[in-house]
PDB file of N, CA and C in Angstrom:
ATOM      1  N   MET A   1      15.181   3.066  82.711  1.00  0.00           N
ATOM      2  CA  MET A   1      14.649   3.382  81.412  1.00  0.00           C
ATOM      3  C   MET A   1      13.254   2.801  81.220  1.00  0.00           C
ATOM      4  N   THR A   2      12.496   2.683  82.235  1.00  0.00           N
ATOM      5  CA  THR A   2      11.150   2.160  82.116  1.00  0.00           C
ATOM      6  C   THR A   2      10.292   3.106  81.300  1.00  0.00           C
ATOM      7  N   GLY A   3       9.521   2.557  80.342  1.00  0.00           N
ATOM      8  CA  GLY A   3       8.607   3.350  79.546  1.00  0.00           C
ATOM      9  C   GLY A   3       9.221   3.983  78.312  1.00  0.00           C
ATOM     10  N   GLN A   4      10.513   3.769  78.081  1.00  0.00           N
ATOM     11  CA  GLN A   4      11.139   4.340  76.898  1.00  0.00           C
ATOM     12  C   GLN A   4      11.433   3.245  75.900  1.00  0.00           C
ATOM     13  N   GLY A   5      11.120   3.491  74.634  1.00  0.00           N
ATOM     14  CA  GLY A   5      11.385   2.518  73.584  1.00  0.00           C
ATOM     15  C   GLY A   5      12.830   2.571  73.144  1.00  0.00           C
ATOM     16  N   LYS A   6      13.310   1.488  72.606  1.00  0.00           N
ATOM     17  CA  LYS A   6      14.665   1.449  72.085  1.00  0.00           C
ATOM     18  C   LYS A   6      14.654   1.966  70.661  1.00  0.00           C
ATOM     19  N   THR A   7      15.736   2.561  70.255  1.00  0.00           N
ATOM     20  CA  THR A   7      15.854   3.116  68.913  1.00  0.00           C
ATOM     21  C   THR A   7      17.069   2.528  68.244  1.00  0.00           C
ATOM     22  N   LYS A   8      16.947   2.191  66.969  1.00  0.00           N
ATOM     23  CA  LYS A   8      18.106   1.764  66.208  1.00  0.00           C
ATOM     24  C   LYS A   8      18.150   2.573  64.923  1.00  0.00           C
ATOM     25  N   THR A   9      19.339   2.805  64.434  1.00  0.00           N
ATOM     26  CA  THR A   9      19.509   3.597  63.228  1.00  0.00           C
ATOM     27  C   THR A   9      19.645   2.666  62.039  1.00  0.00           C
ATOM     28  N   LEU A  10      18.890   2.943  60.993  1.00  0.00           N
ATOM     29  CA  LEU A  10      18.955   2.181  59.763  1.00  0.00           C
ATOM     30  C   LEU A  10      19.612   3.043  58.702  1.00  0.00           C
ATOM     31  N   LEU A  11      20.288   2.413  57.790  1.00  0.00           N
ATOM     32  CA  LEU A  11      20.902   3.126  56.687  1.00  0.00           C
ATOM     33  C   LEU A  11      20.209   2.694  55.418  1.00  0.00           C
ATOM     34  N   ARG A  12      19.626   3.639  54.689  1.00  0.00           N
ATOM     35  CA  ARG A  12      18.939   3.335  53.446  1.00  0.00           C
ATOM     36  C   ARG A  12      19.716   3.969  52.306  1.00  0.00           C
ATOM     37  N   ALA A  13      19.764   3.288  51.190  1.00  0.00           N
ATOM     38  CA  ALA A  13      20.423   3.833  50.017  1.00  0.00           C
ATOM     39  C   ALA A  13      19.486   3.753  48.833  1.00  0.00           C
ATOM     40  N   GLY A  14      19.680   4.616  47.888  1.00  0.00           N
ATOM     41  CA  GLY A  14      18.863   4.625  46.691  1.00  0.00           C
ATOM     42  C   GLY A  14      18.412   6.031  46.382  1.00  0.00           C
ATOM     43  N   PRO A  15      17.975   6.271  45.162  1.00  0.00           N
ATOM     44  CA  PRO A  15      17.611   7.632  44.765  1.00  0.00           C
ATOM     45  C   PRO A  15      16.445   8.206  45.560  1.00  0.00           C
ATOM     46  N   GLN A  16      15.506   7.361  45.983  1.00  0.00           N
ATOM     47  CA  GLN A  16      14.366   7.880  46.725  1.00  0.00           C
ATOM     48  C   GLN A  16      14.721   8.248  48.156  1.00  0.00           C
ATOM     49  N   PHE A  17      15.821   7.717  48.694  1.00  0.00           N
ATOM     50  CA  PHE A  17      16.211   8.000  50.068  1.00  0.00           C
ATOM     51  C   PHE A  17      17.407   8.934  50.143  1.00  0.00           C
ATOM     52  N   GLY A  18      18.149   9.071  49.053  1.00  0.00           N
ATOM     53  CA  GLY A  18      19.421   9.790  49.121  1.00  0.00           C
ATOM     54  C   GLY A  18      20.469   8.802  49.601  1.00  0.00           C
ATOM     55  N   ILE A  19      21.650   8.928  49.128  1.00  0.00           N
ATOM     56  CA  ILE A  19      22.701   7.983  49.503  1.00  0.00           C
ATOM     57  C   ILE A  19      23.085   8.202  50.957  1.00  0.00           C
ATOM     58  N   GLY A  20      22.999   7.154  51.725  1.00  0.00           N
ATOM     59  CA  GLY A  20      23.436   7.191  53.117  1.00  0.00           C
ATOM     60  C   GLY A  20      22.546   7.974  54.058  1.00  0.00           C
ATOM     61  N   ARG A  21      21.303   8.210  53.690  1.00  0.00           N
ATOM     62  CA  ARG A  21      20.395   8.929  54.579  1.00  0.00           C
ATOM     63  C   ARG A  21      20.053   8.048  55.766  1.00  0.00           C
ATOM     64  N   ARG A  22      20.143   8.597  56.947  1.00  0.00           N
ATOM     65  CA  ARG A  22      19.859   7.815  58.153  1.00  0.00           C
ATOM     66  C   ARG A  22      18.397   7.976  58.554  1.00  0.00           C
ATOM     67  N   LEU A  23      17.778   6.866  58.859  1.00  0.00           N
ATOM     68  CA  LEU A  23      16.392   6.857  59.326  1.00  0.00           C
ATOM     69  C   LEU A  23      16.353   6.228  60.704  1.00  0.00           C
ATOM     70  N   MET A  24      15.463   6.708  61.538  1.00  0.00           N
ATOM     71  CA  MET A  24      15.332   6.147  62.875  1.00  0.00           C
ATOM     72  C   MET A  24      14.145   5.191  62.910  1.00  0.00           C
ATOM     73  N   ALA A  25      14.362   4.010  63.428  1.00  0.00           N
ATOM     74  CA  ALA A  25      13.286   3.026  63.573  1.00  0.00           C
ATOM     75  C   ALA A  25      13.011   2.866  65.065  1.00  0.00           C
ATOM     76  N   HIS A  26      11.783   3.064  65.466  1.00  0.00           N
ATOM     77  CA  HIS A  26      11.425   2.987  66.881  1.00  0.00           C
ATOM     78  C   HIS A  26      10.670   1.695  67.152  1.00  0.00           C
ATOM     79  N   ARG A  27      11.060   1.031  68.216  1.00  0.00           N
ATOM     80  CA  ARG A  27      10.311  -0.140  68.658  1.00  0.00           C
ATOM     81  C   ARG A  27       9.165   0.327  69.522  1.00  0.00           C
ATOM     82  N   ARG A  28       8.099  -0.458  69.544  1.00  0.00           N
ATOM     83  CA  ARG A  28       6.952  -0.104  70.379  1.00  0.00           C
ATOM     84  C   ARG A  28       7.351  -0.110  71.842  1.00  0.00           C
ATOM     85  N   SER A  29       6.868   0.859  72.560  1.00  0.00           N
ATOM     86  CA  SER A  29       7.087   0.940  73.993  1.00  0.00           C
ATOM     87  C   SER A  29       5.730   0.997  74.679  1.00  0.00           C
ATOM     88  N   PRO A  30       5.687   0.881  76.002  1.00  0.00           N
ATOM     89  CA  PRO A  30       4.403   0.987  76.700  1.00  0.00           C
ATOM     90  C   PRO A  30       3.705   2.324  76.446  1.00  0.00           C
ATOM     91  N   ASP A  31       4.452   3.348  76.058  1.00  0.00           N
ATOM     92  CA  ASP A  31       3.868   4.662  75.805  1.00  0.00           C
ATOM     93  C   ASP A  31       3.352   4.800  74.370  1.00  0.00           C
ATOM     94  N   SER A  32       3.547   3.781  73.540  1.00  0.00           N
ATOM     95  CA  SER A  32       3.093   3.838  72.149  1.00  0.00           C
ATOM     96  C   SER A  32       1.575   3.859  72.101  1.00  0.00           C
ATOM     97  N   PRO A  33       1.006   4.439  71.017  1.00  0.00           N
ATOM     98  CA  PRO A  33      -0.455   4.463  70.920  1.00  0.00           C
ATOM     99  C   PRO A  33      -1.031   3.052  70.885  1.00  0.00           C
ATOM    100  N   PRO A  34      -2.200   2.857  71.453  1.00  0.00           N
ATOM    101  CA  PRO A  34      -2.807   1.522  71.473  1.00  0.00           C
ATOM    102  C   PRO A  34      -3.186   1.057  70.076  1.00  0.00           C
ATOM    103  N   ALA A  35      -3.439  -0.216  69.946  1.00  0.00           N
ATOM    104  CA  ALA A  35      -3.781  -0.818  68.661  1.00  0.00           C
ATOM    105  C   ALA A  35      -5.028  -0.170  68.059  1.00  0.00           C
ATOM    106  N   ALA A  36      -5.959   0.260  68.909  1.00  0.00           N
ATOM    107  CA  ALA A  36      -7.188   0.895  68.404  1.00  0.00           C
ATOM    108  C   ALA A  36      -6.863   2.179  67.646  1.00  0.00           C
ATOM    109  N   ALA A  37      -5.888   2.939  68.116  1.00  0.00           N
ATOM    110  CA  ALA A  37      -5.493   4.172  67.431  1.00  0.00           C
ATOM    111  C   ALA A  37      -4.867   3.845  66.081  1.00  0.00           C
ATOM    112  N   ASN A  38      -4.053   2.787  66.039  1.00  0.00           N
ATOM    113  CA  ASN A  38      -3.468   2.358  64.765  1.00  0.00           C
ATOM    114  C   ASN A  38      -4.560   1.924  63.799  1.00  0.00           C
ATOM    115  N   ARG A  39      -5.530   1.202  64.293  1.00  0.00           N
ATOM    116  CA  ARG A  39      -6.640   0.740  63.454  1.00  0.00           C
ATOM    117  C   ARG A  39      -7.430   1.926  62.916  1.00  0.00           C
ATOM    118  N   SER A  40      -7.648   2.913  63.767  1.00  0.00           N
ATOM    119  CA  SER A  40      -8.370   4.104  63.352  1.00  0.00           C
ATOM    120  C   SER A  40      -7.606   4.831  62.235  1.00  0.00           C
ATOM    121  N   ALA A  41      -6.302   4.922  62.359  1.00  0.00           N
ATOM    122  CA  ALA A  41      -5.477   5.555  61.322  1.00  0.00           C
ATOM    123  C   ALA A  41      -5.555   4.758  60.020  1.00  0.00           C
ATOM    124  N   GLN A  42      -5.571   3.428  60.116  1.00  0.00           N
ATOM    125  CA  GLN A  42      -5.674   2.590  58.921  1.00  0.00           C
ATOM    126  C   GLN A  42      -7.019   2.791  58.233  1.00  0.00           C
ATOM    127  N   VAL A  43      -8.087   2.856  59.013  1.00  0.00           N
ATOM    128  CA  VAL A  43      -9.425   3.069  58.449  1.00  0.00           C
ATOM    129  C   VAL A  43      -9.477   4.445  57.786  1.00  0.00           C
ATOM    130  N   GLY A  44      -8.885   5.444  58.427  1.00  0.00           N
ATOM    131  CA  GLY A  44      -8.855   6.781  57.856  1.00  0.00           C
ATOM    132  C   GLY A  44      -8.109   6.818  56.534  1.00  0.00           C
ATOM    133  N   SER A  45      -6.965   6.156  56.466  1.00  0.00           N
ATOM    134  CA  SER A  45      -6.180   6.115  55.224  1.00  0.00           C
ATOM    135  C   SER A  45      -6.946   5.409  54.117  1.00  0.00           C
ATOM    136  N   GLU A  46      -7.592   4.311  54.460  1.00  0.00           N
ATOM    137  CA  GLU A  46      -8.370   3.557  53.468  1.00  0.00           C
ATOM    138  C   GLU A  46      -9.563   4.385  52.975  1.00  0.00           C
ATOM    139  N   THR A  47     -10.213   5.097  53.878  1.00  0.00           N
ATOM    140  CA  THR A  47     -11.340   5.935  53.513  1.00  0.00           C
ATOM    141  C   THR A  47     -10.891   7.060  52.575  1.00  0.00           C
ATOM    142  N   GLU A  48      -9.740   7.674  52.860  1.00  0.00           N
ATOM    143  CA  GLU A  48      -9.202   8.711  51.983  1.00  0.00           C
ATOM    144  C   GLU A  48      -8.883   8.139  50.604  1.00  0.00           C
ATOM    145  N   ARG A  49      -8.334   6.938  50.568  1.00  0.00           N
ATOM    146  CA  ARG A  49      -8.004   6.303  49.285  1.00  0.00           C
ATOM    147  C   ARG A  49      -9.277   6.058  48.463  1.00  0.00           C
ATOM    148  N   LEU A  50     -10.320   5.566  49.123  1.00  0.00           N
ATOM    149  CA  LEU A  50     -11.588   5.317  48.429  1.00  0.00           C
ATOM    150  C   LEU A  50     -12.225   6.617  47.921  1.00  0.00           C
ATOM    151  N   ALA A  51     -12.185   7.655  48.751  1.00  0.00           N
ATOM    152  CA  ALA A  51     -12.736   8.947  48.339  1.00  0.00           C
ATOM    153  C   ALA A  51     -11.973   9.495  47.142  1.00  0.00           C
ATOM    154  N   CYS A  52     -10.658   9.367  47.166  1.00  0.00           N
ATOM    155  CA  CYS A  52      -9.821   9.835  46.062  1.00  0.00           C
ATOM    156  C   CYS A  52     -10.158   9.078  44.776  1.00  0.00           C
ATOM    157  N   ALA A  53     -10.275   7.762  44.869  1.00  0.00           N
ATOM    158  CA  ALA A  53     -10.596   6.940  43.691  1.00  0.00           C
ATOM    159  C   ALA A  53     -11.964   7.333  43.129  1.00  0.00           C
ATOM    160  N   TYR A  54     -12.931   7.570  44.010  1.00  0.00           N
ATOM    161  CA  TYR A  54     -14.272   7.968  43.576  1.00  0.00           C
ATOM    162  C   TYR A  54     -14.224   9.308  42.834  1.00  0.00           C
ATOM    163  N   LEU A  55     -13.535  10.267  43.413  1.00  0.00           N
ATOM    164  CA  LEU A  55     -13.462  11.590  42.792  1.00  0.00           C
ATOM    165  C   LEU A  55     -12.696  11.545  41.472  1.00  0.00           C
ATOM    166  N   GLN A  56     -11.640  10.740  41.408  1.00  0.00           N
ATOM    167  CA  GLN A  56     -10.904  10.602  40.154  1.00  0.00           C
ATOM    168  C   GLN A  56     -11.767   9.958  39.075  1.00  0.00           C
ATOM    169  N   SER A  57     -12.595   8.994  39.459  1.00  0.00           N
ATOM    170  CA  SER A  57     -13.478   8.350  38.485  1.00  0.00           C
ATOM    171  C   SER A  57     -14.546   9.315  37.973  1.00  0.00           C
ATOM    172  N   ASN A  58     -14.742  10.422  38.703  1.00  0.00           N
ATOM    173  CA  ASN A  58     -15.694  11.445  38.283  1.00  0.00           C
ATOM    174  C   ASN A  58     -14.998  12.663  37.666  1.00  0.00           C
ATOM    175  N   GLY A  59     -13.750  12.467  37.242  1.00  0.00           N
ATOM    176  CA  GLY A  59     -13.074  13.486  36.456  1.00  0.00           C
ATOM    177  C   GLY A  59     -12.152  14.446  37.174  1.00  0.00           C
ATOM    178  N   LEU A  60     -11.999  14.340  38.489  1.00  0.00           N
ATOM    179  CA  LEU A  60     -11.086  15.226  39.187  1.00  0.00           C
ATOM    180  C   LEU A  60      -9.669  14.678  39.105  1.00  0.00           C
ATOM    181  N   ARG A  61      -8.695  15.573  39.153  1.00  0.00           N
ATOM    182  CA  ARG A  61      -7.284  15.173  39.085  1.00  0.00           C
ATOM    183  C   ARG A  61      -6.635  15.437  40.436  1.00  0.00           C
ATOM    184  N   LEU A  62      -5.947  14.438  40.979  1.00  0.00           N
ATOM    185  CA  LEU A  62      -5.293  14.563  42.281  1.00  0.00           C
ATOM    186  C   LEU A  62      -4.024  15.392  42.153  1.00  0.00           C
ATOM    187  N   LEU A  63      -3.890  16.402  43.028  1.00  0.00           N
ATOM    188  CA  LEU A  63      -2.683  17.221  43.066  1.00  0.00           C
ATOM    189  C   LEU A  63      -1.826  16.909  44.293  1.00  0.00           C
ATOM    190  N   ALA A  64      -2.479  16.640  45.443  1.00  0.00           N
ATOM    191  CA  ALA A  64      -1.727  16.356  46.675  1.00  0.00           C
ATOM    192  C   ALA A  64      -2.604  15.581  47.651  1.00  0.00           C
ATOM    193  N   CYS A  65      -1.960  14.723  48.437  1.00  0.00           N
ATOM    194  CA  CYS A  65      -2.619  13.988  49.526  1.00  0.00           C
ATOM    195  C   CYS A  65      -2.016  14.433  50.852  1.00  0.00           C
ATOM    196  N   ASN A  66      -2.854  14.592  51.857  1.00  0.00           N
ATOM    197  CA  ASN A  66      -2.406  14.935  53.207  1.00  0.00           C
ATOM    198  C   ASN A  66      -1.441  16.118  53.199  1.00  0.00           C
ATOM    199  N   TYR A  67      -1.850  17.179  52.538  1.00  0.00           N
ATOM    200  CA  TYR A  67      -1.032  18.388  52.459  1.00  0.00           C
ATOM    201  C   TYR A  67      -1.003  19.065  53.821  1.00  0.00           C
ATOM    202  N   ARG A  68       0.180  19.253  54.357  1.00  0.00           N
ATOM    203  CA  ARG A  68       0.333  19.871  55.681  1.00  0.00           C
ATOM    204  C   ARG A  68       0.817  21.305  55.541  1.00  0.00           C
ATOM    205  N   CYS A  69       0.218  22.155  56.358  1.00  0.00           N
ATOM    206  CA  CYS A  69       0.640  23.546  56.411  1.00  0.00           C
ATOM    207  C   CYS A  69       0.559  24.008  57.864  1.00  0.00           C
ATOM    208  N   ARG A  70       0.870  25.262  58.080  1.00  0.00           N
ATOM    209  CA  ARG A  70       0.885  25.802  59.439  1.00  0.00           C
ATOM    210  C   ARG A  70      -0.466  25.676  60.139  1.00  0.00           C
ATOM    211  N   ARG A  71      -1.541  25.767  59.394  1.00  0.00           N
ATOM    212  CA  ARG A  71      -2.884  25.766  59.971  1.00  0.00           C
ATOM    213  C   ARG A  71      -3.490  24.381  60.131  1.00  0.00           C
ATOM    214  N   GLY A  72      -2.828  23.324  59.607  1.00  0.00           N
ATOM    215  CA  GLY A  72      -3.377  21.979  59.722  1.00  0.00           C
ATOM    216  C   GLY A  72      -3.065  21.132  58.509  1.00  0.00           C
ATOM    217  N   GLU A  73      -4.017  20.289  58.155  1.00  0.00           N
ATOM    218  CA  GLU A  73      -3.821  19.360  57.048  1.00  0.00           C
ATOM    219  C   GLU A  73      -5.062  19.334  56.160  1.00  0.00           C
ATOM    220  N   ILE A  74      -4.824  19.214  54.869  1.00  0.00           N
ATOM    221  CA  ILE A  74      -5.906  19.036  53.892  1.00  0.00           C
ATOM    222  C   ILE A  74      -5.766  17.621  53.356  1.00  0.00           C
ATOM    223  N   ASP A  75      -6.825  16.817  53.468  1.00  0.00           N
ATOM    224  CA  ASP A  75      -6.744  15.415  53.064  1.00  0.00           C
ATOM    225  C   ASP A  75      -6.417  15.257  51.588  1.00  0.00           C
ATOM    226  N   LEU A  76      -7.168  15.916  50.720  1.00  0.00           N
ATOM    227  CA  LEU A  76      -6.960  15.801  49.272  1.00  0.00           C
ATOM    228  C   LEU A  76      -7.030  17.188  48.649  1.00  0.00           C
ATOM    229  N   VAL A  77      -6.086  17.475  47.771  1.00  0.00           N
ATOM    230  CA  VAL A  77      -6.146  18.683  46.953  1.00  0.00           C
ATOM    231  C   VAL A  77      -6.290  18.182  45.525  1.00  0.00           C
ATOM    232  N   MET A  78      -7.398  18.564  44.888  1.00  0.00           N
ATOM    233  CA  MET A  78      -7.707  18.058  43.555  1.00  0.00           C
ATOM    234  C   MET A  78      -8.035  19.218  42.635  1.00  0.00           C
ATOM    235  N   GLN A  79      -8.125  18.917  41.350  1.00  0.00           N
ATOM    236  CA  GLN A  79      -8.461  19.929  40.368  1.00  0.00           C
ATOM    237  C   GLN A  79      -9.548  19.413  39.447  1.00  0.00           C
ATOM    238  N   GLU A  80     -10.539  20.270  39.204  1.00  0.00           N
ATOM    239  CA  GLU A  80     -11.604  19.969  38.249  1.00  0.00           C
ATOM    240  C   GLU A  80     -11.654  21.139  37.273  1.00  0.00           C
ATOM    241  N   GLY A  81     -11.158  20.918  36.057  1.00  0.00           N
ATOM    242  CA  GLY A  81     -11.049  22.010  35.090  1.00  0.00           C
ATOM    243  C   GLY A  81     -10.069  23.040  35.608  1.00  0.00           C
ATOM    244  N   ASP A  82     -10.524  24.293  35.754  1.00  0.00           N
ATOM    245  CA  ASP A  82      -9.652  25.325  36.295  1.00  0.00           C
ATOM    246  C   ASP A  82      -9.980  25.646  37.752  1.00  0.00           C
ATOM    247  N   THR A  83     -10.699  24.735  38.425  1.00  0.00           N
ATOM    248  CA  THR A  83     -11.095  24.931  39.819  1.00  0.00           C
ATOM    249  C   THR A  83     -10.301  24.017  40.743  1.00  0.00           C
ATOM    250  N   LEU A  84      -9.691  24.595  41.797  1.00  0.00           N
ATOM    251  CA  LEU A  84      -9.042  23.799  42.833  1.00  0.00           C
ATOM    252  C   LEU A  84     -10.105  23.310  43.801  1.00  0.00           C
ATOM    253  N   VAL A  85     -10.009  22.050  44.211  1.00  0.00           N
ATOM    254  CA  VAL A  85     -10.971  21.447  45.123  1.00  0.00           C
ATOM    255  C   VAL A  85     -10.215  20.938  46.340  1.00  0.00           C
ATOM    256  N   PHE A  86     -10.595  21.421  47.522  1.00  0.00           N
ATOM    257  CA  PHE A  86      -9.986  20.985  48.775  1.00  0.00           C
ATOM    258  C   PHE A  86     -10.973  20.049  49.468  1.00  0.00           C
ATOM    259  N   VAL A  87     -10.509  18.845  49.814  1.00  0.00           N
ATOM    260  CA  VAL A  87     -11.401  17.804  50.329  1.00  0.00           C
ATOM    261  C   VAL A  87     -10.984  17.392  51.735  1.00  0.00           C
ATOM    262  N   GLU A  88     -11.929  17.429  52.654  1.00  0.00           N
ATOM    263  CA  GLU A  88     -11.761  16.878  53.996  1.00  0.00           C
ATOM    264  C   GLU A  88     -12.587  15.606  54.039  1.00  0.00           C
ATOM    265  N   VAL A  89     -11.943  14.465  54.219  1.00  0.00           N
ATOM    266  CA  VAL A  89     -12.641  13.176  54.215  1.00  0.00           C
ATOM    267  C   VAL A  89     -13.053  12.843  55.640  1.00  0.00           C
ATOM    268  N   ARG A  90     -14.320  12.496  55.824  1.00  0.00           N
ATOM    269  CA  ARG A  90     -14.845  12.100  57.136  1.00  0.00           C
ATOM    270  C   ARG A  90     -15.404  10.691  57.018  1.00  0.00           C
ATOM    271  N   PHE A  91     -15.283   9.924  58.083  1.00  0.00           N
ATOM    272  CA  PHE A  91     -15.781   8.551  58.107  1.00  0.00           C
ATOM    273  C   PHE A  91     -16.689   8.401  59.314  1.00  0.00           C
ATOM    274  N   ARG A  92     -17.820   7.765  59.097  1.00  0.00           N
ATOM    275  CA  ARG A  92     -18.688   7.441  60.234  1.00  0.00           C
ATOM    276  C   ARG A  92     -19.137   6.000  60.091  1.00  0.00           C
ATOM    277  N   THR A  93     -19.425   5.362  61.210  1.00  0.00           N
ATOM    278  CA  THR A  93     -19.757   3.944  61.197  1.00  0.00           C
ATOM    279  C   THR A  93     -21.239   3.682  60.976  1.00  0.00           C
ATOM    280  N   SER A  94     -22.075   4.714  61.134  1.00  0.00           N
ATOM    281  CA  SER A  94     -23.512   4.516  60.914  1.00  0.00           C
ATOM    282  C   SER A  94     -24.063   5.703  60.132  1.00  0.00           C
ATOM    283  N   THR A  95     -25.255   5.517  59.574  1.00  0.00           N
ATOM    284  CA  THR A  95     -25.891   6.576  58.799  1.00  0.00           C
ATOM    285  C   THR A  95     -26.696   7.529  59.670  1.00  0.00           C
ATOM    286  N   GLY A  96     -26.877   7.179  60.917  1.00  0.00           N
ATOM    287  CA  GLY A  96     -27.626   8.044  61.836  1.00  0.00           C
ATOM    288  C   GLY A  96     -29.123   7.943  61.701  1.00  0.00           C
ATOM    289  N   SER A  97     -29.627   6.967  60.957  1.00  0.00           N
ATOM    290  CA  SER A  97     -31.076   6.846  60.792  1.00  0.00           C
ATOM    291  C   SER A  97     -31.653   5.778  61.670  1.00  0.00           C
TER     292      SER A  97
END
């Protein structure tokens, strides 16, 4: 079983989980994504949160985060008046100047 992570089943209860819903918890294995990938995902999530807060402070209303569909994912779906706004959040480490 080299390279395979161990799995254990957890039992969660409560209205948000449903009574007795089983969840799988995976331990890290050698095949798990490296720490840099996890860090990149964390930076992406934080950047999306900041963008959402900025847009909300400018009057937009959040309808959905990370909306997934057959064609991909939309980071933020917001509304401004009667206009739907679809937002793709991008992060870069430099300004390019």
